[in-house]
């Protein structure tokens, strides 16, 4: 009896010490999303670039950030920065428009030429898989947690991992954001 208990204890120790075959977290760039024009887009096409993912809204106090996002796009796109805008109506119903209305608003008011995608939820049960991943502990423990408002910005490094998260109050052209972008572009 003692022998079999010792054997069981040894076997249990071996199994508990063995790593569980945990799947490595997916990259935010492993998802497929829908463009504002309704086309499927595989985000893996942005691999090897520095990617800023932003939940946007047309009727928000932070909406003027479209202008500085566009400036970043113009300044850094040829160096490898990609900006991806995801309209969201979850915060104060500040993005009520259709895809065509959103496109028209962004183009006519801010000259947006960076890639825009269909309206999504970023929090809750209906959150897009991309945003469920971006806000998860698995993607980045230090950047995990629900989106608090429009114009939260995630920066994805060339390796496909979340390297920074900037809340709404951090302007896209702030020293902190620019320094992080430039650091990642040099890698």
Protein backbone atom coordinates (compact mmCIF):
# COMPACT_ATOMS: atom_id res chain seq x y z
CA UNK A 1 0.00 0.00 0.00
CA UNK A 2 2.81 2.46 0.90
CA UNK A 3 4.58 1.67 -2.33
CA UNK A 4 1.53 2.43 -4.44
CA UNK A 5 0.89 5.69 -2.57
CA UNK A 6 4.53 6.70 -3.09
CA UNK A 7 4.24 5.83 -6.76
CA UNK A 8 1.05 7.86 -7.06
CA UNK A 9 2.70 10.80 -5.30
CA UNK A 10 5.69 10.60 -7.66
CA UNK A 11 3.45 10.40 -10.71
CA UNK A 12 1.36 13.32 -9.43
CA UNK A 13 4.52 15.37 -8.91
CA UNK A 14 5.71 14.66 -12.44
CA UNK A 15 2.35 15.62 -13.95
CA UNK A 16 1.92 18.75 -11.85
CA UNK A 17 5.40 19.95 -12.77
CA UNK A 18 4.89 19.32 -16.48
CA UNK A 19 3.89 22.40 -18.40
CA UNK A 20 0.32 22.38 -19.55
CA UNK A 21 0.31 22.74 -23.29
CA UNK A 22 -0.87 26.32 -23.13
CA UNK A 23 -1.43 27.87 -26.51
CA UNK A 24 0.61 31.02 -26.97
CA UNK A 25 -1.60 34.10 -27.17
CA UNK A 26 -2.57 35.08 -30.64
CA UNK A 27 -1.32 38.32 -32.05
CA UNK A 28 -3.86 41.10 -32.52
CA UNK A 29 -2.83 40.78 -36.14
CA UNK A 30 -4.21 37.24 -36.41
CA UNK A 31 -7.81 38.38 -36.80
CA UNK A 32 -10.04 39.05 -39.77
CA UNK A 33 -12.14 42.22 -39.66
CA UNK A 34 -14.46 44.05 -42.03
CA UNK A 35 -13.46 47.32 -43.66
CA UNK A 36 -15.74 50.34 -43.65
CA UNK A 37 -16.57 49.48 -47.27
CA UNK A 38 -17.66 45.96 -46.26
CA UNK A 39 -14.63 43.97 -47.42
CA UNK A 40 -12.97 41.28 -45.30
CA UNK A 41 -9.46 42.25 -44.21
CA UNK A 42 -6.95 39.82 -42.74
CA UNK A 43 -4.95 41.88 -40.25
CA UNK A 44 -1.93 39.64 -40.84
CA UNK A 45 -1.26 41.84 -43.87
CA UNK A 46 0.11 44.38 -41.36
CA UNK A 47 2.64 41.97 -39.81
CA UNK A 48 6.11 43.45 -39.62
CA UNK A 49 4.71 46.96 -39.27
CA UNK A 50 4.02 49.07 -36.20
CA UNK A 51 0.24 49.23 -35.87
CA UNK A 52 -1.90 51.66 -33.89
CA UNK A 53 -5.44 50.40 -33.28
CA UNK A 54 -7.93 53.07 -32.18
CA UNK A 55 -11.63 52.94 -31.31
CA UNK A 56 -13.06 56.10 -32.84
CA UNK A 57 -16.30 58.11 -32.80
CA UNK A 58 -17.59 61.07 -34.80
CA UNK A 59 -19.49 62.92 -32.07
CA UNK A 60 -17.08 62.82 -29.16
CA UNK A 61 -15.09 65.51 -27.42
CA UNK A 62 -12.00 63.58 -28.52
CA UNK A 63 -13.08 63.44 -32.19
CA UNK A 64 -10.46 66.07 -33.16
CA UNK A 65 -7.89 63.32 -32.52
CA UNK A 66 -8.74 62.19 -36.06
CA UNK A 67 -6.64 65.15 -37.21
CA UNK A 68 -3.55 64.12 -35.25
CA UNK A 69 -4.03 60.46 -36.16
CA UNK A 70 -4.03 61.52 -39.81
CA UNK A 71 -0.88 63.59 -39.21
CA UNK A 72 0.83 60.54 -37.67
CA UNK A 73 -0.25 58.50 -40.67
CA UNK A 74 1.25 61.06 -43.05
CA UNK A 75 4.48 61.41 -41.04
CA UNK A 76 5.20 57.74 -40.40
CA UNK A 77 3.36 55.52 -42.89
CA UNK A 78 6.35 55.39 -45.22
CA UNK A 79 8.50 54.32 -42.24
CA UNK A 80 6.18 51.43 -41.32
CA UNK A 81 3.40 52.84 -39.11
CA UNK A 82 -0.18 51.77 -39.84
CA UNK A 83 -3.20 53.33 -38.16
CA UNK A 84 -6.44 51.36 -37.98
CA UNK A 85 -9.66 53.08 -36.92
CA UNK A 86 -12.57 51.09 -35.48
CA UNK A 87 -15.78 53.12 -35.05
CA UNK A 88 -17.68 52.29 -31.87
CA UNK A 89 -21.05 53.49 -30.61
CA UNK A 90 -20.76 52.11 -27.06
CA UNK A 91 -19.75 55.34 -25.32
CA UNK A 92 -22.52 57.92 -25.16
CA UNK A 93 -23.88 56.75 -28.54
CA UNK A 94 -21.28 59.02 -30.15
CA UNK A 95 -20.94 57.00 -33.37
CA UNK A 96 -24.53 56.55 -34.59
CA UNK A 97 -23.85 56.79 -38.32
CA UNK A 98 -23.81 54.20 -41.07
CA UNK A 99 -20.56 53.12 -42.67
CA UNK A 100 -21.13 55.59 -45.52
CA UNK A 101 -21.83 58.43 -43.08
CA UNK A 102 -18.74 57.62 -41.03
CA UNK A 103 -16.58 57.52 -44.17
CA UNK A 104 -17.98 60.83 -45.39
CA UNK A 105 -17.50 62.48 -41.99
CA UNK A 106 -13.89 61.30 -41.64
CA UNK A 107 -12.94 62.25 -45.17
CA UNK A 108 -14.64 65.64 -45.38
CA UNK A 109 -13.81 66.85 -41.86
CA UNK A 110 -10.37 65.37 -41.23
CA UNK A 111 -9.07 64.11 -44.57
CA UNK A 112 -8.67 60.61 -43.13
CA UNK A 113 -6.79 58.27 -45.45
CA UNK A 114 -5.71 55.65 -42.90
CA UNK A 115 -7.61 52.37 -42.85
CA UNK A 116 -11.06 52.42 -41.29
CA UNK A 117 -13.19 49.44 -40.38
CA UNK A 118 -16.82 48.65 -39.73
CA UNK A 119 -18.48 49.73 -36.51
CA UNK A 120 -17.85 47.31 -33.63
CA UNK A 121 -18.33 46.88 -29.90
CA UNK A 122 -15.13 47.02 -27.88
CA UNK A 123 -16.49 45.86 -24.50
CA UNK A 124 -18.95 43.25 -23.28
CA UNK A 125 -20.31 40.03 -24.66
CA UNK A 126 -20.62 41.45 -28.18
CA UNK A 127 -17.12 42.89 -28.29
CA UNK A 128 -15.21 42.06 -31.43
CA UNK A 129 -12.74 39.17 -31.02
CA UNK A 130 -9.94 41.63 -31.83
CA UNK A 131 -10.86 43.86 -28.90
CA UNK A 132 -11.49 40.92 -26.59
CA UNK A 133 -7.91 39.95 -27.34
CA UNK A 134 -6.45 43.47 -27.08
CA UNK A 135 -7.96 43.99 -23.63
CA UNK A 136 -7.12 40.51 -22.31
CA UNK A 137 -4.51 39.52 -19.74
CA UNK A 138 -3.09 37.08 -22.29
CA UNK A 139 -2.36 39.79 -24.83
CA UNK A 140 -0.64 42.09 -22.36
CA UNK A 141 -1.18 41.96 -18.59
CA UNK A 142 -0.03 45.55 -18.08
CA UNK A 143 -2.42 46.85 -20.74
CA UNK A 144 -5.44 44.65 -19.96
CA UNK A 145 -8.88 45.88 -19.01
CA UNK A 146 -12.01 47.32 -20.54
CA UNK A 147 -11.95 50.26 -22.90
CA UNK A 148 -13.06 53.33 -20.92
CA UNK A 149 -13.96 55.70 -23.74
CA UNK A 150 -13.49 56.56 -27.40
CA UNK A 151 -10.01 57.08 -28.86
CA UNK A 152 -8.09 54.60 -26.74
CA UNK A 153 -4.98 53.65 -28.65
CA UNK A 154 -3.12 50.31 -28.69
CA UNK A 155 0.32 50.16 -30.24
CA UNK A 156 1.38 46.82 -31.69
CA UNK A 157 5.09 46.25 -32.32
CA UNK A 158 6.60 44.70 -35.44
CA UNK A 159 6.59 41.38 -33.59
CA UNK A 160 2.78 41.51 -33.39
CA UNK A 161 2.61 42.10 -29.64
CA UNK A 162 0.90 44.91 -27.72
CA UNK A 163 3.67 47.28 -26.59
CA UNK A 164 1.63 50.22 -25.30
CA UNK A 165 -1.86 51.44 -24.54
CA UNK A 166 -2.78 55.10 -24.43
CA UNK A 167 -6.07 56.25 -22.93
CA UNK A 168 -8.35 58.85 -24.48
CA UNK A 169 -6.67 61.82 -22.79
CA UNK A 170 -3.29 61.02 -24.35
CA UNK A 171 -3.07 62.86 -27.65
CA UNK A 172 -1.82 60.82 -30.62
CA UNK A 173 0.97 63.36 -31.18
CA UNK A 174 2.08 63.56 -27.53
CA UNK A 175 5.77 63.14 -26.76
CA UNK A 176 5.00 59.82 -25.07
CA UNK A 177 3.20 58.38 -28.10
CA UNK A 178 5.75 59.71 -30.61
CA UNK A 179 8.66 58.31 -28.58
CA UNK A 180 7.01 54.89 -28.40
CA UNK A 181 6.23 54.85 -32.12
CA UNK A 182 9.77 55.89 -33.05
CA UNK A 183 11.30 53.30 -30.70
CA UNK A 184 9.19 50.54 -32.24
CA UNK A 185 9.92 51.65 -35.80
CA UNK A 186 13.67 51.37 -35.13
CA UNK A 187 13.42 47.74 -34.01
